[in-house]
Structure formats: structure tokens, C-alpha cells
């Protein structure tokens, strides 16, 4: 009887650890991962997609060890495609992500609803960036 009680206690404890290690926070961090096709890119309220850029895509890599890689694919009007790599860091679990490339770091508020992503941030010079994207 004592052996059965010990086995049941161990099994219950193991299941509890399993469920607590899969928290909602982990799922929300991973939801930004993947490729996002930017459909609107505004800098200080000026739309740049269609006037300065033909195409823009963000590829958020796997988020692990407190950071993830991002690859930003751009095609400027009349130019060949180009890519820039950087890292992204989730600042907290309330929809804030910092994106750092060679040029600078910008902190964005973001929201994901279904297959849509919105980003809004302001850089160190006060320039505002807003983007809308789809998976």
C-alpha cells in the first residue's frame, strides 16, 4: 500500500511538472515565429510599400535562449532583392519585441490576430514605424 501511494504521488508530481513547463507565455512567444509578408510599411505616416519598396518580408526564426534571428528581405523599387539579418528579443509577455539589425535597435509594440501581425515602433530619432503583415 505504501509503495502504491508513493508511485501515485510520483506520477502526480511528474504530470504537474509537465503541465507547468508548457505555459501560455511560451506559446505567445513562439506565435511571432515564421515568415510575414508586409502589406503596409509606413514611416512617419508615409506609405513606403509601393513607392520605395516593391516587396518586404520578415522571417522570425525560432525564439530560444532569450532571442531569435530575424531576416528582413527587401526589394527596393527597380532593384534586386536584398536581405539584412539581426536578432529579435521579446521584452515581456505583453506584446513588445525589440528588433536589432546592424543599423539600430527599435522596440515595437506588436499584436497578432489570426494570421495578421501589426507592429508599431519609434526609433531613437523619433521616427515612427508601422507595419501590417500576413503569414
C-alpha atoms as a PDB file:
ATOM      1  CA  UNK A   1       0.000   0.000   0.000  1.00  0.00           C
ATOM      2  CA  UNK A   2       2.817   2.384   0.906  1.00  0.00           C
ATOM      3  CA  UNK A   3       4.552   1.572  -2.393  1.00  0.00           C
ATOM      4  CA  UNK A   4       1.346   2.318  -4.383  1.00  0.00           C
ATOM      5  CA  UNK A   5       0.876   5.639  -2.570  1.00  0.00           C
ATOM      6  CA  UNK A   6       4.477   6.603  -3.354  1.00  0.00           C
ATOM      7  CA  UNK A   7       4.005   5.655  -7.031  1.00  0.00           C
ATOM      8  CA  UNK A   8       0.780   7.696  -7.290  1.00  0.00           C
ATOM      9  CA  UNK A   9       2.468  10.695  -5.637  1.00  0.00           C
ATOM     10  CA  UNK A  10       5.429  10.473  -8.028  1.00  0.00           C
ATOM     11  CA  UNK A  11       3.124  10.167 -11.059  1.00  0.00           C
ATOM     12  CA  UNK A  12       1.023  13.157  -9.941  1.00  0.00           C
ATOM     13  CA  UNK A  13       4.141  15.260  -9.343  1.00  0.00           C
ATOM     14  CA  UNK A  14       5.541  14.319 -12.778  1.00  0.00           C
ATOM     15  CA  UNK A  15       2.302  15.298 -14.530  1.00  0.00           C
ATOM     16  CA  UNK A  16       2.207  18.602 -12.632  1.00  0.00           C
ATOM     17  CA  UNK A  17       5.752  19.463 -13.770  1.00  0.00           C
ATOM     18  CA  UNK A  18       4.898  18.515 -17.351  1.00  0.00           C
ATOM     19  CA  UNK A  19       1.885  20.848 -17.482  1.00  0.00           C
ATOM     20  CA  UNK A  20       3.591  23.782 -15.773  1.00  0.00           C
ATOM     21  CA  UNK A  21       6.545  23.643 -18.172  1.00  0.00           C
ATOM     22  CA  UNK A  22       4.181  24.229 -21.110  1.00  0.00           C
ATOM     23  CA  UNK A  23       2.952  27.662 -20.124  1.00  0.00           C
ATOM     24  CA  UNK A  24       0.864  30.114 -22.141  1.00  0.00           C
ATOM     25  CA  UNK A  25       3.806  32.532 -22.151  1.00  0.00           C
ATOM     26  CA  UNK A  26       5.907  30.088 -24.167  1.00  0.00           C
ATOM     27  CA  UNK A  27       3.133  29.736 -26.756  1.00  0.00           C
ATOM     28  CA  UNK A  28       2.724  33.508 -27.127  1.00  0.00           C
ATOM     29  CA  UNK A  29       6.466  33.972 -27.673  1.00  0.00           C
ATOM     30  CA  UNK A  30       6.503  31.407 -30.460  1.00  0.00           C
ATOM     31  CA  UNK A  31       3.479  32.846 -32.232  1.00  0.00           C
ATOM     32  CA  UNK A  32       5.582  35.548 -33.930  1.00  0.00           C
ATOM     33  CA  UNK A  33       7.902  32.929 -35.409  1.00  0.00           C
ATOM     34  CA  UNK A  34       7.663  32.372 -39.142  1.00  0.00           C
ATOM     35  CA  UNK A  35       7.518  34.352 -42.357  1.00  0.00           C
ATOM     36  CA  UNK A  36       5.414  37.524 -42.566  1.00  0.00           C
ATOM     37  CA  UNK A  37       4.659  39.300 -45.859  1.00  0.00           C
ATOM     38  CA  UNK A  38       4.433  43.029 -45.171  1.00  0.00           C
ATOM     39  CA  UNK A  39       1.364  44.593 -46.835  1.00  0.00           C
ATOM     40  CA  UNK A  40       1.822  48.088 -45.402  1.00  0.00           C
ATOM     41  CA  UNK A  41       5.035  49.802 -44.268  1.00  0.00           C
ATOM     42  CA  UNK A  42       4.684  53.354 -43.027  1.00  0.00           C
ATOM     43  CA  UNK A  43       7.468  55.653 -41.882  1.00  0.00           C
ATOM     44  CA  UNK A  44       6.135  58.804 -40.190  1.00  0.00           C
ATOM     45  CA  UNK A  45       2.730  58.142 -41.803  1.00  0.00           C
ATOM     46  CA  UNK A  46       4.209  57.917 -45.325  1.00  0.00           C
ATOM     47  CA  UNK A  47       3.457  54.598 -47.049  1.00  0.00           C
ATOM     48  CA  UNK A  48       6.728  53.172 -48.414  1.00  0.00           C
ATOM     49  CA  UNK A  49       5.473  49.880 -49.842  1.00  0.00           C
ATOM     50  CA  UNK A  50       4.701  50.572 -53.478  1.00  0.00           C
ATOM     51  CA  UNK A  51       6.659  53.839 -53.561  1.00  0.00           C
ATOM     52  CA  UNK A  52      10.101  52.964 -52.153  1.00  0.00           C
ATOM     53  CA  UNK A  53       9.802  49.169 -51.775  1.00  0.00           C
ATOM     54  CA  UNK A  54       8.297  46.601 -54.122  1.00  0.00           C
ATOM     55  CA  UNK A  55       8.408  43.811 -51.566  1.00  0.00           C
ATOM     56  CA  UNK A  56       9.178  43.383 -47.856  1.00  0.00           C
ATOM     57  CA  UNK A  57       9.185  40.190 -45.763  1.00  0.00           C
ATOM     58  CA  UNK A  58      10.172  39.489 -42.147  1.00  0.00           C
ATOM     59  CA  UNK A  59      11.299  35.966 -41.259  1.00  0.00           C
ATOM     60  CA  UNK A  60      11.291  35.500 -37.479  1.00  0.00           C
ATOM     61  CA  UNK A  61      13.390  32.442 -36.619  1.00  0.00           C
ATOM     62  CA  UNK A  62      12.986  30.141 -33.638  1.00  0.00           C
ATOM     63  CA  UNK A  63      12.974  32.012 -30.336  1.00  0.00           C
ATOM     64  CA  UNK A  64      15.281  30.317 -27.834  1.00  0.00           C
ATOM     65  CA  UNK A  65      17.771  31.322 -25.160  1.00  0.00           C
ATOM     66  CA  UNK A  66      16.061  34.745 -24.866  1.00  0.00           C
ATOM     67  CA  UNK A  67      16.486  35.722 -28.533  1.00  0.00           C
ATOM     68  CA  UNK A  68      15.768  34.755 -32.097  1.00  0.00           C
ATOM     69  CA  UNK A  69      17.197  35.540 -35.506  1.00  0.00           C
ATOM     70  CA  UNK A  70      15.302  37.751 -37.935  1.00  0.00           C
ATOM     71  CA  UNK A  71      15.943  38.035 -41.654  1.00  0.00           C
ATOM     72  CA  UNK A  72      14.468  41.071 -43.364  1.00  0.00           C
ATOM     73  CA  UNK A  73      14.036  40.617 -47.128  1.00  0.00           C
ATOM     74  CA  UNK A  74      13.593  43.834 -49.104  1.00  0.00           C
ATOM     75  CA  UNK A  75      13.230  44.702 -52.738  1.00  0.00           C
ATOM     76  CA  UNK A  76      13.613  48.428 -53.363  1.00  0.00           C
ATOM     77  CA  UNK A  77      11.825  49.815 -56.413  1.00  0.00           C
ATOM     78  CA  UNK A  78      13.785  48.886 -59.529  1.00  0.00           C
ATOM     79  CA  UNK A  79      16.442  46.959 -57.555  1.00  0.00           C
ATOM     80  CA  UNK A  80      17.365  43.356 -56.933  1.00  0.00           C
ATOM     81  CA  UNK A  81      16.228  41.681 -53.701  1.00  0.00           C
ATOM     82  CA  UNK A  82      18.393  42.236 -50.615  1.00  0.00           C
ATOM     83  CA  UNK A  83      18.462  40.769 -47.098  1.00  0.00           C
ATOM     84  CA  UNK A  84      19.537  42.023 -43.694  1.00  0.00           C
ATOM     85  CA  UNK A  85      19.904  39.816 -40.625  1.00  0.00           C
ATOM     86  CA  UNK A  86      19.539  40.694 -36.991  1.00  0.00           C
ATOM     87  CA  UNK A  87      18.080  39.449 -33.746  1.00  0.00           C
ATOM     88  CA  UNK A  88      14.773  39.927 -32.018  1.00  0.00           C
ATOM     89  CA  UNK A  89      14.180  39.904 -28.287  1.00  0.00           C
ATOM     90  CA  UNK A  90      10.821  39.604 -26.565  1.00  0.00           C
ATOM     91  CA  UNK A  91      10.900  42.356 -23.925  1.00  0.00           C
ATOM     92  CA  UNK A  92       7.963  40.988 -21.963  1.00  0.00           C
ATOM     93  CA  UNK A  93       4.859  38.897 -22.439  1.00  0.00           C
ATOM     94  CA  UNK A  94       2.621  41.866 -23.271  1.00  0.00           C
ATOM     95  CA  UNK A  95       3.412  42.303 -26.945  1.00  0.00           C
ATOM     96  CA  UNK A  96       6.745  44.131 -27.067  1.00  0.00           C
ATOM     97  CA  UNK A  97       9.591  42.973 -29.309  1.00  0.00           C
ATOM     98  CA  UNK A  98      12.966  44.635 -29.942  1.00  0.00           C
ATOM     99  CA  UNK A  99      14.446  44.154 -33.399  1.00  0.00           C
ATOM    100  CA  UNK A 100      18.169  44.796 -33.730  1.00  0.00           C
ATOM    101  CA  UNK A 101      19.963  44.951 -37.071  1.00  0.00           C
ATOM    102  CA  UNK A 102      23.391  46.346 -37.919  1.00  0.00           C
ATOM    103  CA  UNK A 103      21.909  49.808 -38.138  1.00  0.00           C
ATOM    104  CA  UNK A 104      19.912  50.131 -34.905  1.00  0.00           C
ATOM    105  CA  UNK A 105      17.517  48.648 -32.377  1.00  0.00           C
ATOM    106  CA  UNK A 106      13.831  49.522 -32.497  1.00  0.00           C
ATOM    107  CA  UNK A 107      11.326  48.459 -29.852  1.00  0.00           C
ATOM    108  CA  UNK A 108       7.936  47.577 -31.350  1.00  0.00           C
ATOM    109  CA  UNK A 109       4.524  47.002 -29.857  1.00  0.00           C
ATOM    110  CA  UNK A 110       3.023  44.098 -31.746  1.00  0.00           C
ATOM    111  CA  UNK A 111      -0.249  42.225 -31.956  1.00  0.00           C
ATOM    112  CA  UNK A 112      -1.147  39.004 -33.717  1.00  0.00           C
ATOM    113  CA  UNK A 113      -4.773  38.345 -34.591  1.00  0.00           C
ATOM    114  CA  UNK A 114      -5.306  35.201 -36.623  1.00  0.00           C
ATOM    115  CA  UNK A 115      -2.817  35.369 -39.489  1.00  0.00           C
ATOM    116  CA  UNK A 116      -2.282  39.147 -39.204  1.00  0.00           C
ATOM    117  CA  UNK A 117       0.617  40.903 -37.482  1.00  0.00           C
ATOM    118  CA  UNK A 118       0.788  44.614 -36.678  1.00  0.00           C
ATOM    119  CA  UNK A 119       3.959  46.346 -35.496  1.00  0.00           C
ATOM    120  CA  UNK A 120       4.417  49.904 -34.259  1.00  0.00           C
ATOM    121  CA  UNK A 121       7.677  51.417 -33.019  1.00  0.00           C
ATOM    122  CA  UNK A 122       9.649  54.630 -32.660  1.00  0.00           C
ATOM    123  CA  UNK A 123      13.410  54.784 -33.197  1.00  0.00           C
ATOM    124  CA  UNK A 124      15.986  56.849 -31.282  1.00  0.00           C
ATOM    125  CA  UNK A 125      15.487  59.784 -33.662  1.00  0.00           C
ATOM    126  CA  UNK A 126      11.716  59.856 -33.101  1.00  0.00           C
ATOM    127  CA  UNK A 127      10.811  58.302 -36.472  1.00  0.00           C
ATOM    128  CA  UNK A 128       7.660  56.186 -36.214  1.00  0.00           C
ATOM    129  CA  UNK A 129       7.343  52.850 -37.984  1.00  0.00           C
ATOM    130  CA  UNK A 130       4.141  50.925 -38.514  1.00  0.00           C
ATOM    131  CA  UNK A 131       3.699  47.689 -40.413  1.00  0.00           C
ATOM    132  CA  UNK A 132       0.885  45.307 -41.221  1.00  0.00           C
ATOM    133  CA  UNK A 133       1.738  41.760 -42.309  1.00  0.00           C
ATOM    134  CA  UNK A 134       0.158  38.389 -43.103  1.00  0.00           C
ATOM    135  CA  UNK A 135       1.524  34.865 -42.778  1.00  0.00           C
END
